[in-house]
Amino acid sequence: MLTQQGGFLLMQKVFNLLGATAFLMSGAMVVGSVVLYTRIPSLTKYYMSELKLELTKVVTQMLPAQIDDVMPELPSTTGPAIEMPKSPF
């Protein structure tokens, strides 16, 4: 009878330990979810600014070569000034 009661107490301790562990894990998940949910706007803003910076760098590196190919040469001389027509009023 003593061994059955000792086994029962041991199993009760194991179940109590499992219940306490499950409670702690659930609490940690709730706290983690709340912290993550409250930080989503700042994380989104941070990663968007990083993405904009990276895209700006890539476009800046690509752009000078494209502009040089498309831009015509500047003229070395200019023509006479254009007069505005006189208003009939």
PDB file of N, CA and C in Angstrom:
ATOM      1  N   MET A   1       0.820  -1.184   0.000  1.00  0.00           N
ATOM      2  CA  MET A   1       0.000   0.000   0.000  1.00  0.00           C
ATOM      3  C   MET A   1       0.870   1.256   0.000  1.00  0.00           C
ATOM      4  N   LEU A   2       1.985   1.151   0.646  1.00  0.00           N
ATOM      5  CA  LEU A   2       2.885   2.305   0.721  1.00  0.00           C
ATOM      6  C   LEU A   2       3.449   2.643  -0.657  1.00  0.00           C
ATOM      7  N   THR A   3       3.730   1.620  -1.469  1.00  0.00           N
ATOM      8  CA  THR A   3       4.279   1.884  -2.799  1.00  0.00           C
ATOM      9  C   THR A   3       3.225   2.492  -3.718  1.00  0.00           C
ATOM     10  N   GLN A   4       1.974   2.106  -3.564  1.00  0.00           N
ATOM     11  CA  GLN A   4       0.923   2.694  -4.396  1.00  0.00           C
ATOM     12  C   GLN A   4       0.719   4.161  -4.041  1.00  0.00           C
ATOM     13  N   GLN A   5       0.761   4.475  -2.768  1.00  0.00           N
ATOM     14  CA  GLN A   5       0.579   5.857  -2.345  1.00  0.00           C
ATOM     15  C   GLN A   5       1.788   6.700  -2.766  1.00  0.00           C
ATOM     16  N   GLY A   6       2.994   6.119  -2.702  1.00  0.00           N
ATOM     17  CA  GLY A   6       4.193   6.840  -3.137  1.00  0.00           C
ATOM     18  C   GLY A   6       4.157   7.099  -4.638  1.00  0.00           C
ATOM     19  N   GLY A   7       3.694   6.139  -5.413  1.00  0.00           N
ATOM     20  CA  GLY A   7       3.555   6.313  -6.849  1.00  0.00           C
ATOM     21  C   GLY A   7       2.506   7.363  -7.187  1.00  0.00           C
ATOM     22  N   PHE A   8       1.434   7.372  -6.423  1.00  0.00           N
ATOM     23  CA  PHE A   8       0.386   8.367  -6.633  1.00  0.00           C
ATOM     24  C   PHE A   8       0.910   9.778  -6.368  1.00  0.00           C
ATOM     25  N   LEU A   9       1.670   9.938  -5.300  1.00  0.00           N
ATOM     26  CA  LEU A   9       2.220  11.248  -4.971  1.00  0.00           C
ATOM     27  C   LEU A   9       3.236  11.694  -6.021  1.00  0.00           C
ATOM     28  N   LEU A  10       4.014  10.747  -6.511  1.00  0.00           N
ATOM     29  CA  LEU A  10       4.985  11.077  -7.551  1.00  0.00           C
ATOM     30  C   LEU A  10       4.270  11.525  -8.828  1.00  0.00           C
ATOM     31  N   MET A  11       3.232  10.807  -9.220  1.00  0.00           N
ATOM     32  CA  MET A  11       2.482  11.185 -10.424  1.00  0.00           C
ATOM     33  C   MET A  11       1.788  12.532 -10.231  1.00  0.00           C
ATOM     34  N   GLN A  12       1.280  12.791  -9.019  1.00  0.00           N
ATOM     35  CA  GLN A  12       0.640  14.075  -8.753  1.00  0.00           C
ATOM     36  C   GLN A  12       1.660  15.209  -8.874  1.00  0.00           C
ATOM     37  N   LYS A  13       2.873  14.990  -8.407  1.00  0.00           N
ATOM     38  CA  LYS A  13       3.917  16.010  -8.538  1.00  0.00           C
ATOM     39  C   LYS A  13       4.279  16.246 -10.009  1.00  0.00           C
ATOM     40  N   VAL A  14       4.336  15.168 -10.788  1.00  0.00           N
ATOM     41  CA  VAL A  14       4.641  15.299 -12.212  1.00  0.00           C
ATOM     42  C   VAL A  14       3.544  16.095 -12.912  1.00  0.00           C
ATOM     43  N   PHE A  15       2.281  15.774 -12.617  1.00  0.00           N
ATOM     44  CA  PHE A  15       1.167  16.491 -13.234  1.00  0.00           C
ATOM     45  C   PHE A  15       1.141  17.961 -12.800  1.00  0.00           C
ATOM     46  N   ASN A  16       1.435  18.223 -11.537  1.00  0.00           N
ATOM     47  CA  ASN A  16       1.494  19.613 -11.073  1.00  0.00           C
ATOM     48  C   ASN A  16       2.610  20.378 -11.786  1.00  0.00           C
ATOM     49  N   LEU A  17       3.740  19.727 -11.975  1.00  0.00           N
ATOM     50  CA  LEU A  17       4.854  20.353 -12.676  1.00  0.00           C
ATOM     51  C   LEU A  17       4.481  20.628 -14.136  1.00  0.00           C
ATOM     52  N   LEU A  18       3.835  19.669 -14.791  1.00  0.00           N
ATOM     53  CA  LEU A  18       3.394  19.874 -16.171  1.00  0.00           C
ATOM     54  C   LEU A  18       2.364  21.008 -16.271  1.00  0.00           C
ATOM     55  N   GLY A  19       1.451  21.081 -15.332  1.00  0.00           N
ATOM     56  CA  GLY A  19       0.453  22.152 -15.333  1.00  0.00           C
ATOM     57  C   GLY A  19       1.103  23.516 -15.137  1.00  0.00           C
ATOM     58  N   ALA A  20       2.053  23.603 -14.205  1.00  0.00           N
ATOM     59  CA  ALA A  20       2.744  24.873 -13.972  1.00  0.00           C
ATOM     60  C   ALA A  20       3.564  25.270 -15.198  1.00  0.00           C
ATOM     61  N   THR A  21       4.201  24.302 -15.841  1.00  0.00           N
ATOM     62  CA  THR A  21       4.985  24.593 -17.044  1.00  0.00           C
ATOM     63  C   THR A  21       4.077  25.081 -18.173  1.00  0.00           C
ATOM     64  N   ALA A  22       2.931  24.449 -18.346  1.00  0.00           N
ATOM     65  CA  ALA A  22       1.986  24.874 -19.378  1.00  0.00           C
ATOM     66  C   ALA A  22       1.477  26.284 -19.094  1.00  0.00           C
ATOM     67  N   PHE A  23       1.219  26.584 -17.846  1.00  0.00           N
ATOM     68  CA  PHE A  23       0.765  27.929 -17.479  1.00  0.00           C
ATOM     69  C   PHE A  23       1.838  28.966 -17.798  1.00  0.00           C
ATOM     70  N   LEU A  24       3.083  28.679 -17.460  1.00  0.00           N
ATOM     71  CA  LEU A  24       4.166  29.608 -17.755  1.00  0.00           C
ATOM     72  C   LEU A  24       4.362  29.797 -19.265  1.00  0.00           C
ATOM     73  N   MET A  25       4.263  28.712 -20.012  1.00  0.00           N
ATOM     74  CA  MET A  25       4.414  28.813 -21.461  1.00  0.00           C
ATOM     75  C   MET A  25       3.281  29.641 -22.069  1.00  0.00           C
ATOM     76  N   SER A  26       2.054  29.439 -21.609  1.00  0.00           N
ATOM     77  CA  SER A  26       0.920  30.215 -22.123  1.00  0.00           C
ATOM     78  C   SER A  26       1.089  31.686 -21.787  1.00  0.00           C
ATOM     79  N   GLY A  27       1.522  31.971 -20.576  1.00  0.00           N
ATOM     80  CA  GLY A  27       1.751  33.364 -20.179  1.00  0.00           C
ATOM     81  C   GLY A  27       2.839  34.013 -21.013  1.00  0.00           C
ATOM     82  N   ALA A  28       3.911  33.272 -21.276  1.00  0.00           N
ATOM     83  CA  ALA A  28       4.999  33.809 -22.095  1.00  0.00           C
ATOM     84  C   ALA A  28       4.521  34.070 -23.517  1.00  0.00           C
ATOM     85  N   MET A  29       3.674  33.201 -24.064  1.00  0.00           N
ATOM     86  CA  MET A  29       3.142  33.416 -25.413  1.00  0.00           C
ATOM     87  C   MET A  29       2.248  34.654 -25.461  1.00  0.00           C
ATOM     88  N   VAL A  30       1.440  34.866 -24.439  1.00  0.00           N
ATOM     89  CA  VAL A  30       0.568  36.044 -24.406  1.00  0.00           C
ATOM     90  C   VAL A  30       1.409  37.307 -24.319  1.00  0.00           C
ATOM     91  N   VAL A  31       2.393  37.311 -23.430  1.00  0.00           N
ATOM     92  CA  VAL A  31       3.255  38.488 -23.283  1.00  0.00           C
ATOM     93  C   VAL A  31       4.026  38.741 -24.578  1.00  0.00           C
ATOM     94  N   GLY A  32       4.557  37.698 -25.194  1.00  0.00           N
ATOM     95  CA  GLY A  32       5.281  37.856 -26.447  1.00  0.00           C
ATOM     96  C   GLY A  32       4.393  38.383 -27.557  1.00  0.00           C
ATOM     97  N   SER A  33       3.165  37.900 -27.635  1.00  0.00           N
ATOM     98  CA  SER A  33       2.232  38.375 -28.657  1.00  0.00           C
ATOM     99  C   SER A  33       1.890  39.845 -28.458  1.00  0.00           C
ATOM    100  N   VAL A  34       1.671  40.251 -27.223  1.00  0.00           N
ATOM    101  CA  VAL A  34       1.349  41.654 -26.939  1.00  0.00           C
ATOM    102  C   VAL A  34       2.536  42.548 -27.290  1.00  0.00           C
ATOM    103  N   VAL A  35       3.736  42.141 -26.925  1.00  0.00           N
ATOM    104  CA  VAL A  35       4.921  42.941 -27.227  1.00  0.00           C
ATOM    105  C   VAL A  35       5.114  43.044 -28.738  1.00  0.00           C
ATOM    106  N   LEU A  36       4.978  41.940 -29.443  1.00  0.00           N
ATOM    107  CA  LEU A  36       5.133  41.963 -30.890  1.00  0.00           C
ATOM    108  C   LEU A  36       4.053  42.820 -31.543  1.00  0.00           C
ATOM    109  N   TYR A  37       2.820  42.706 -31.094  1.00  0.00           N
ATOM    110  CA  TYR A  37       1.719  43.468 -31.674  1.00  0.00           C
ATOM    111  C   TYR A  37       1.916  44.967 -31.474  1.00  0.00           C
ATOM    112  N   THR A  38       2.427  45.360 -30.315  1.00  0.00           N
ATOM    113  CA  THR A  38       2.635  46.783 -30.067  1.00  0.00           C
ATOM    114  C   THR A  38       3.845  47.319 -30.820  1.00  0.00           C
ATOM    115  N   ARG A  39       4.770  46.457 -31.227  1.00  0.00           N
ATOM    116  CA  ARG A  39       5.963  46.917 -31.927  1.00  0.00           C
ATOM    117  C   ARG A  39       5.845  46.815 -33.448  1.00  0.00           C
ATOM    118  N   ILE A  40       4.763  46.286 -33.964  1.00  0.00           N
ATOM    119  CA  ILE A  40       4.613  46.120 -35.416  1.00  0.00           C
ATOM    120  C   ILE A  40       4.738  47.449 -36.157  1.00  0.00           C
ATOM    121  N   PRO A  41       4.107  48.538 -35.718  1.00  0.00           N
ATOM    122  CA  PRO A  41       4.257  49.795 -36.471  1.00  0.00           C
ATOM    123  C   PRO A  41       5.706  50.288 -36.542  1.00  0.00           C
ATOM    124  N   SER A  42       6.435  50.207 -35.437  1.00  0.00           N
ATOM    125  CA  SER A  42       7.820  50.687 -35.474  1.00  0.00           C
ATOM    126  C   SER A  42       8.697  49.759 -36.300  1.00  0.00           C
ATOM    127  N   LEU A  43       8.445  48.467 -36.238  1.00  0.00           N
ATOM    128  CA  LEU A  43       9.219  47.538 -37.063  1.00  0.00           C
ATOM    129  C   LEU A  43       8.931  47.760 -38.543  1.00  0.00           C
ATOM    130  N   THR A  44       7.672  47.988 -38.876  1.00  0.00           N
ATOM    131  CA  THR A  44       7.306  48.233 -40.264  1.00  0.00           C
ATOM    132  C   THR A  44       7.963  49.514 -40.766  1.00  0.00           C
ATOM    133  N   LYS A  45       7.925  50.565 -39.952  1.00  0.00           N
ATOM    134  CA  LYS A  45       8.537  51.831 -40.345  1.00  0.00           C
ATOM    135  C   LYS A  45      10.044  51.661 -40.541  1.00  0.00           C
ATOM    136  N   TYR A  46      10.689  50.906 -39.653  1.00  0.00           N
ATOM    137  CA  TYR A  46      12.136  50.690 -39.757  1.00  0.00           C
ATOM    138  C   TYR A  46      12.482  49.950 -41.048  1.00  0.00           C
ATOM    139  N   TYR A  47      11.790  48.858 -41.325  1.00  0.00           N
ATOM    140  CA  TYR A  47      12.118  48.075 -42.512  1.00  0.00           C
ATOM    141  C   TYR A  47      11.747  48.802 -43.800  1.00  0.00           C
ATOM    142  N   MET A  48      10.701  49.616 -43.775  1.00  0.00           N
ATOM    143  CA  MET A  48      10.359  50.408 -44.950  1.00  0.00           C
ATOM    144  C   MET A  48      11.432  51.455 -45.223  1.00  0.00           C
ATOM    145  N   SER A  49      11.964  52.089 -44.177  1.00  0.00           N
ATOM    146  CA  SER A  49      13.021  53.076 -44.394  1.00  0.00           C
ATOM    147  C   SER A  49      14.291  52.405 -44.901  1.00  0.00           C
ATOM    148  N   GLU A  50      14.590  51.218 -44.397  1.00  0.00           N
ATOM    149  CA  GLU A  50      15.752  50.473 -44.893  1.00  0.00           C
ATOM    150  C   GLU A  50      15.566  50.099 -46.367  1.00  0.00           C
ATOM    151  N   LEU A  51      14.357  49.688 -46.725  1.00  0.00           N
ATOM    152  CA  LEU A  51      14.071  49.321 -48.110  1.00  0.00           C
ATOM    153  C   LEU A  51      14.179  50.537 -49.025  1.00  0.00           C
ATOM    154  N   LYS A  52      13.645  51.680 -48.588  1.00  0.00           N
ATOM    155  CA  LYS A  52      13.748  52.904 -49.386  1.00  0.00           C
ATOM    156  C   LYS A  52      15.201  53.299 -49.581  1.00  0.00           C
ATOM    157  N   LEU A  53      16.003  53.193 -48.534  1.00  0.00           N
ATOM    158  CA  LEU A  53      17.416  53.540 -48.623  1.00  0.00           C
ATOM    159  C   LEU A  53      18.128  52.640 -49.626  1.00  0.00           C
ATOM    160  N   GLU A  54      17.861  51.350 -49.551  1.00  0.00           N
ATOM    161  CA  GLU A  54      18.502  50.400 -50.470  1.00  0.00           C
ATOM    162  C   GLU A  54      18.065  50.653 -51.919  1.00  0.00           C
ATOM    163  N   LEU A  55      16.770  50.898 -52.119  1.00  0.00           N
ATOM    164  CA  LEU A  55      16.286  51.190 -53.472  1.00  0.00           C
ATOM    165  C   LEU A  55      16.883  52.488 -54.006  1.00  0.00           C
ATOM    166  N   THR A  56      17.025  53.488 -53.142  1.00  0.00           N
ATOM    167  CA  THR A  56      17.636  54.744 -53.558  1.00  0.00           C
ATOM    168  C   THR A  56      19.075  54.533 -54.003  1.00  0.00           C
ATOM    169  N   LYS A  57      19.800  53.706 -53.267  1.00  0.00           N
ATOM    170  CA  LYS A  57      21.185  53.413 -53.644  1.00  0.00           C
ATOM    171  C   LYS A  57      21.255  52.717 -55.001  1.00  0.00           C
ATOM    172  N   VAL A  58      20.385  51.751 -55.214  1.00  0.00           N
ATOM    173  CA  VAL A  58      20.407  50.997 -56.473  1.00  0.00           C
ATOM    174  C   VAL A  58      20.044  51.908 -57.643  1.00  0.00           C
ATOM    175  N   VAL A  59      18.993  52.711 -57.475  1.00  0.00           N
ATOM    176  CA  VAL A  59      18.566  53.598 -58.557  1.00  0.00           C
ATOM    177  C   VAL A  59      19.627  54.658 -58.822  1.00  0.00           C
ATOM    178  N   THR A  60      20.251  55.170 -57.766  1.00  0.00           N
ATOM    179  CA  THR A  60      21.297  56.174 -57.943  1.00  0.00           C
ATOM    180  C   THR A  60      22.482  55.607 -58.703  1.00  0.00           C
ATOM    181  N   GLN A  61      22.810  54.369 -58.469  1.00  0.00           N
ATOM    182  CA  GLN A  61      23.921  53.753 -59.194  1.00  0.00           C
ATOM    183  C   GLN A  61      23.551  53.509 -60.660  1.00  0.00           C
ATOM    184  N   MET A  62      22.312  53.168 -60.938  1.00  0.00           N
ATOM    185  CA  MET A  62      21.897  52.874 -62.301  1.00  0.00           C
ATOM    186  C   MET A  62      21.616  54.146 -63.101  1.00  0.00           C
ATOM    187  N   LEU A  63      21.155  55.186 -62.449  1.00  0.00           N
ATOM    188  CA  LEU A  63      20.659  56.363 -63.126  1.00  0.00           C
ATOM    189  C   LEU A  63      21.706  57.144 -63.914  1.00  0.00           C
ATOM    190  N   PRO A  64      22.913  57.424 -63.420  1.00  0.00           N
ATOM    191  CA  PRO A  64      23.848  58.234 -64.201  1.00  0.00           C
ATOM    192  C   PRO A  64      24.156  57.648 -65.575  1.00  0.00           C
ATOM    193  N   ALA A  65      24.293  56.372 -65.687  1.00  0.00           N
ATOM    194  CA  ALA A  65      24.579  55.754 -66.983  1.00  0.00           C
ATOM    195  C   ALA A  65      23.400  55.950 -67.931  1.00  0.00           C
ATOM    196  N   GLN A  66      22.191  55.833 -67.446  1.00  0.00           N
ATOM    197  CA  GLN A  66      21.008  56.010 -68.280  1.00  0.00           C
ATOM    198  C   GLN A  66      20.861  57.468 -68.725  1.00  0.00           C
ATOM    199  N   ILE A  67      21.129  58.401 -67.821  1.00  0.00           N
ATOM    200  CA  ILE A  67      21.000  59.814 -68.167  1.00  0.00           C
ATOM    201  C   ILE A  67      22.043  60.203 -69.204  1.00  0.00           C
ATOM    202  N   ASP A  68      23.264  59.738 -69.053  1.00  0.00           N
ATOM    203  CA  ASP A  68      24.321  60.069 -70.012  1.00  0.00           C
ATOM    204  C   ASP A  68      23.983  59.567 -71.409  1.00  0.00           C
ATOM    205  N   ASP A  69      23.340  58.417 -71.509  1.00  0.00           N
ATOM    206  CA  ASP A  69      22.972  57.874 -72.818  1.00  0.00           C
ATOM    207  C   ASP A  69      21.862  58.687 -73.485  1.00  0.00           C
ATOM    208  N   VAL A  70      20.942  59.219 -72.723  1.00  0.00           N
ATOM    209  CA  VAL A  70      19.761  59.876 -73.272  1.00  0.00           C
ATOM    210  C   VAL A  70      19.968  61.373 -73.497  1.00  0.00           C
ATOM    211  N   MET A  71      20.737  62.027 -72.657  1.00  0.00           N
ATOM    212  CA  MET A  71      20.875  63.485 -72.727  1.00  0.00           C
ATOM    213  C   MET A  71      21.641  63.914 -73.977  1.00  0.00           C
ATOM    214  N   PRO A  72      21.109  64.909 -74.731  1.00  0.00           N
ATOM    215  CA  PRO A  72      21.852  65.434 -75.874  1.00  0.00           C
ATOM    216  C   PRO A  72      22.953  66.372 -75.379  1.00  0.00           C
ATOM    217  N   GLU A  73      23.885  66.652 -76.254  1.00  0.00           N
ATOM    218  CA  GLU A  73      24.946  67.581 -75.868  1.00  0.00           C
ATOM    219  C   GLU A  73      24.383  68.990 -75.810  1.00  0.00           C
ATOM    220  N   LEU A  74      24.927  69.786 -74.915  1.00  0.00           N
ATOM    221  CA  LEU A  74      24.478  71.164 -74.796  1.00  0.00           C
ATOM    222  C   LEU A  74      25.030  71.974 -75.959  1.00  0.00           C
ATOM    223  N   PRO A  75      24.234  72.907 -76.495  1.00  0.00           N
ATOM    224  CA  PRO A  75      24.731  73.720 -77.608  1.00  0.00           C
ATOM    225  C   PRO A  75      25.830  74.675 -77.131  1.00  0.00           C
ATOM    226  N   SER A  76      26.756  74.977 -78.051  1.00  0.00           N
ATOM    227  CA  SER A  76      27.845  75.889 -77.681  1.00  0.00           C
ATOM    228  C   SER A  76      27.481  77.339 -77.978  1.00  0.00           C
ATOM    229  N   THR A  77      26.524  77.578 -78.880  1.00  0.00           N
ATOM    230  CA  THR A  77      26.078  78.946 -79.180  1.00  0.00           C
ATOM    231  C   THR A  77      24.570  79.010 -79.080  1.00  0.00           C
ATOM    232  N   THR A  78      24.072  80.214 -78.907  1.00  0.00           N
ATOM    233  CA  THR A  78      22.629  80.400 -78.816  1.00  0.00           C
ATOM    234  C   THR A  78      22.162  81.343 -79.906  1.00  0.00           C
ATOM    235  N   GLY A  79      20.886  81.328 -80.164  1.00  0.00           N
ATOM    236  CA  GLY A  79      20.310  82.199 -81.180  1.00  0.00           C
ATOM    237  C   GLY A  79      19.885  83.535 -80.585  1.00  0.00           C
ATOM    238  N   PRO A  80      19.259  84.389 -81.404  1.00  0.00           N
ATOM    239  CA  PRO A  80      18.808  85.687 -80.914  1.00  0.00           C
ATOM    240  C   PRO A  80      17.619  85.532 -79.963  1.00  0.00           C
ATOM    241  N   ALA A  81      17.398  86.579 -79.191  1.00  0.00           N
ATOM    242  CA  ALA A  81      16.292  86.575 -78.245  1.00  0.00           C
ATOM    243  C   ALA A  81      14.966  86.607 -78.981  1.00  0.00           C
ATOM    244  N   ILE A  82      13.950  86.005 -78.437  1.00  0.00           N
ATOM    245  CA  ILE A  82      12.629  85.983 -79.059  1.00  0.00           C
ATOM    246  C   ILE A  82      11.802  87.099 -78.439  1.00  0.00           C
ATOM    247  N   GLU A  83      11.184  87.937 -79.276  1.00  0.00           N
ATOM    248  CA  GLU A  83      10.333  89.011 -78.781  1.00  0.00           C
ATOM    249  C   GLU A  83       8.930  88.497 -78.589  1.00  0.00           C
ATOM    250  N   MET A  84       8.319  88.983 -77.558  1.00  0.00           N
ATOM    251  CA  MET A  84       6.915  88.638 -77.303  1.00  0.00           C
ATOM    252  C   MET A  84       6.039  89.505 -78.199  1.00  0.00           C
ATOM    253  N   PRO A  85       4.996  88.968 -78.809  1.00  0.00           N
ATOM    254  CA  PRO A  85       4.119  89.797 -79.653  1.00  0.00           C
ATOM    255  C   PRO A  85       3.394  90.829 -78.792  1.00  0.00           C
ATOM    256  N   LYS A  86       3.170  91.965 -79.348  1.00  0.00           N
ATOM    257  CA  LYS A  86       2.490  93.030 -78.611  1.00  0.00           C
ATOM    258  C   LYS A  86       0.996  92.716 -78.519  1.00  0.00           C
ATOM    259  N   SER A  87       0.438  92.974 -77.391  1.00  0.00           N
ATOM    260  CA  SER A  87      -0.956  92.716 -77.147  1.00  0.00           C
ATOM    261  C   SER A  87      -1.815  93.753 -77.839  1.00  0.00           C
ATOM    262  N   PRO A  88      -2.905  93.372 -78.498  1.00  0.00           N
ATOM    263  CA  PRO A  88      -3.759  94.358 -79.179  1.00  0.00           C
ATOM    264  C   PRO A  88      -4.571  95.186 -78.195  1.00  0.00           C
ATOM    265  N   PHE A  89      -4.560  94.889 -76.969  1.00  0.00           N
ATOM    266  CA  PHE A  89      -5.360  95.628 -75.986  1.00  0.00           C
ATOM    267  C   PHE A  89      -4.576  96.725 -75.393  1.00  0.00           C
TER     268      PHE A  89
END
